[in-house]
Amino acid sequence: MATPLSTTTSLPQLEVAPAFLAR
């Protein structure tokens, strides 16, 4: 949790994954 960048990069990825599946 010392790297906020990791969480910021994981957020968009999580939103893109379901979006691709919903496609």
PDB file of N, CA and C in Angstrom:
ATOM      1  N   MET A   1       0.842  -1.218   0.000  1.00  0.00           N
ATOM      2  CA  MET A   1       0.000   0.000   0.000  1.00  0.00           C
ATOM      3  C   MET A   1       0.870   1.259   0.000  1.00  0.00           C
ATOM      4  N   ALA A   2       2.170   1.043  -0.022  1.00  0.00           N
ATOM      5  CA  ALA A   2       3.096   2.183  -0.021  1.00  0.00           C
ATOM      6  C   ALA A   2       3.155   2.823  -1.408  1.00  0.00           C
ATOM      7  N   THR A   3       2.608   2.105  -2.392  1.00  0.00           N
ATOM      8  CA  THR A   3       2.645   2.644  -3.762  1.00  0.00           C
ATOM      9  C   THR A   3       1.225   2.921  -4.273  1.00  0.00           C
ATOM     10  N   PRO A   4       0.795   4.172  -4.161  1.00  0.00           N
ATOM     11  CA  PRO A   4      -0.545   4.561  -4.606  1.00  0.00           C
ATOM     12  C   PRO A   4      -0.709   4.364  -6.114  1.00  0.00           C
ATOM     13  N   LEU A   5       0.407   4.392  -6.817  1.00  0.00           N
ATOM     14  CA  LEU A   5       0.355   4.210  -8.278  1.00  0.00           C
ATOM     15  C   LEU A   5      -0.224   2.845  -8.627  1.00  0.00           C
ATOM     16  N   SER A   6       0.141   1.858  -7.840  1.00  0.00           N
ATOM     17  CA  SER A   6      -0.341   0.498  -8.088  1.00  0.00           C
ATOM     18  C   SER A   6      -1.870   0.452  -8.008  1.00  0.00           C
ATOM     19  N   THR A   7      -2.420   1.145  -7.001  1.00  0.00           N
ATOM     20  CA  THR A   7      -3.877   1.156  -6.829  1.00  0.00           C
ATOM     21  C   THR A   7      -4.541   1.958  -7.932  1.00  0.00           C
ATOM     22  N   THR A   8      -3.885   3.030  -8.345  1.00  0.00           N
ATOM     23  CA  THR A   8      -4.463   3.875  -9.396  1.00  0.00           C
ATOM     24  C   THR A   8      -4.458   3.145 -10.735  1.00  0.00           C
ATOM     25  N   THR A   9      -3.469   2.276 -10.914  1.00  0.00           N
ATOM     26  CA  THR A   9      -3.381   1.528 -12.177  1.00  0.00           C
ATOM     27  C   THR A   9      -4.307   0.316 -12.140  1.00  0.00           C
ATOM     28  N   SER A  10      -4.599  -0.144 -10.940  1.00  0.00           N
ATOM     29  CA  SER A  10      -5.452  -1.320 -10.800  1.00  0.00           C
ATOM     30  C   SER A  10      -6.925  -0.935 -10.962  1.00  0.00           C
ATOM     31  N   LEU A  11      -7.257   0.274 -10.577  1.00  0.00           N
ATOM     32  CA  LEU A  11      -8.647   0.735 -10.661  1.00  0.00           C
ATOM     33  C   LEU A  11      -9.165   0.727 -12.101  1.00  0.00           C
ATOM     34  N   PRO A  12      -8.461   1.374 -13.018  1.00  0.00           N
ATOM     35  CA  PRO A  12      -8.894   1.400 -14.415  1.00  0.00           C
ATOM     36  C   PRO A  12      -8.925   0.000 -15.017  1.00  0.00           C
ATOM     37  N   GLN A  13      -7.977  -0.833 -14.622  1.00  0.00           N
ATOM     38  CA  GLN A  13      -7.935  -2.203 -15.150  1.00  0.00           C
ATOM     39  C   GLN A  13      -9.166  -2.987 -14.720  1.00  0.00           C
ATOM     40  N   LEU A  14      -9.609  -2.755 -13.493  1.00  0.00           N
ATOM     41  CA  LEU A  14     -10.781  -3.466 -12.982  1.00  0.00           C
ATOM     42  C   LEU A  14     -12.036  -3.000 -13.697  1.00  0.00           C
ATOM     43  N   GLU A  15     -12.041  -1.731 -14.110  1.00  0.00           N
ATOM     44  CA  GLU A  15     -13.216  -1.187 -14.796  1.00  0.00           C
ATOM     45  C   GLU A  15     -13.227  -1.600 -16.260  1.00  0.00           C
ATOM     46  N   VAL A  16     -12.042  -1.851 -16.801  1.00  0.00           N
ATOM     47  CA  VAL A  16     -11.933  -2.257 -18.208  1.00  0.00           C
ATOM     48  C   VAL A  16     -12.256  -3.743 -18.369  1.00  0.00           C
ATOM     49  N   ALA A  17     -11.873  -4.534 -17.390  1.00  0.00           N
ATOM     50  CA  ALA A  17     -12.121  -5.981 -17.459  1.00  0.00           C
ATOM     51  C   ALA A  17     -13.616  -6.269 -17.596  1.00  0.00           C
ATOM     52  N   PRO A  18     -14.461  -5.792 -16.675  1.00  0.00           N
ATOM     53  CA  PRO A  18     -15.909  -6.038 -16.748  1.00  0.00           C
ATOM     54  C   PRO A  18     -16.515  -5.410 -18.002  1.00  0.00           C
ATOM     55  N   ALA A  19     -15.967  -4.280 -18.424  1.00  0.00           N
ATOM     56  CA  ALA A  19     -16.480  -3.598 -19.621  1.00  0.00           C
ATOM     57  C   ALA A  19     -16.255  -4.484 -20.841  1.00  0.00           C
ATOM     58  N   PHE A  20     -15.095  -5.115 -20.901  1.00  0.00           N
ATOM     59  CA  PHE A  20     -14.783  -5.994 -22.037  1.00  0.00           C
ATOM     60  C   PHE A  20     -15.681  -7.229 -22.027  1.00  0.00           C
ATOM     61  N   LEU A  21     -15.928  -7.747 -20.830  1.00  0.00           N
ATOM     62  CA  LEU A  21     -16.783  -8.938 -20.708  1.00  0.00           C
ATOM     63  C   LEU A  21     -18.230  -8.601 -21.055  1.00  0.00           C
ATOM     64  N   ALA A  22     -18.645  -7.404 -20.672  1.00  0.00           N
ATOM     65  CA  ALA A  22     -20.028  -6.977 -20.938  1.00  0.00           C
ATOM     66  C   ALA A  22     -20.215  -6.737 -22.438  1.00  0.00           C
ATOM     67  N   ARG A  23     -19.098  -6.426 -23.111  1.00  0.00           N
ATOM     68  CA  ARG A  23     -19.175  -6.195 -24.551  1.00  0.00           C
ATOM     69  C   ARG A  23     -19.724  -7.450 -25.208  1.00  0.00           C
TER      70      ARG A  23
END
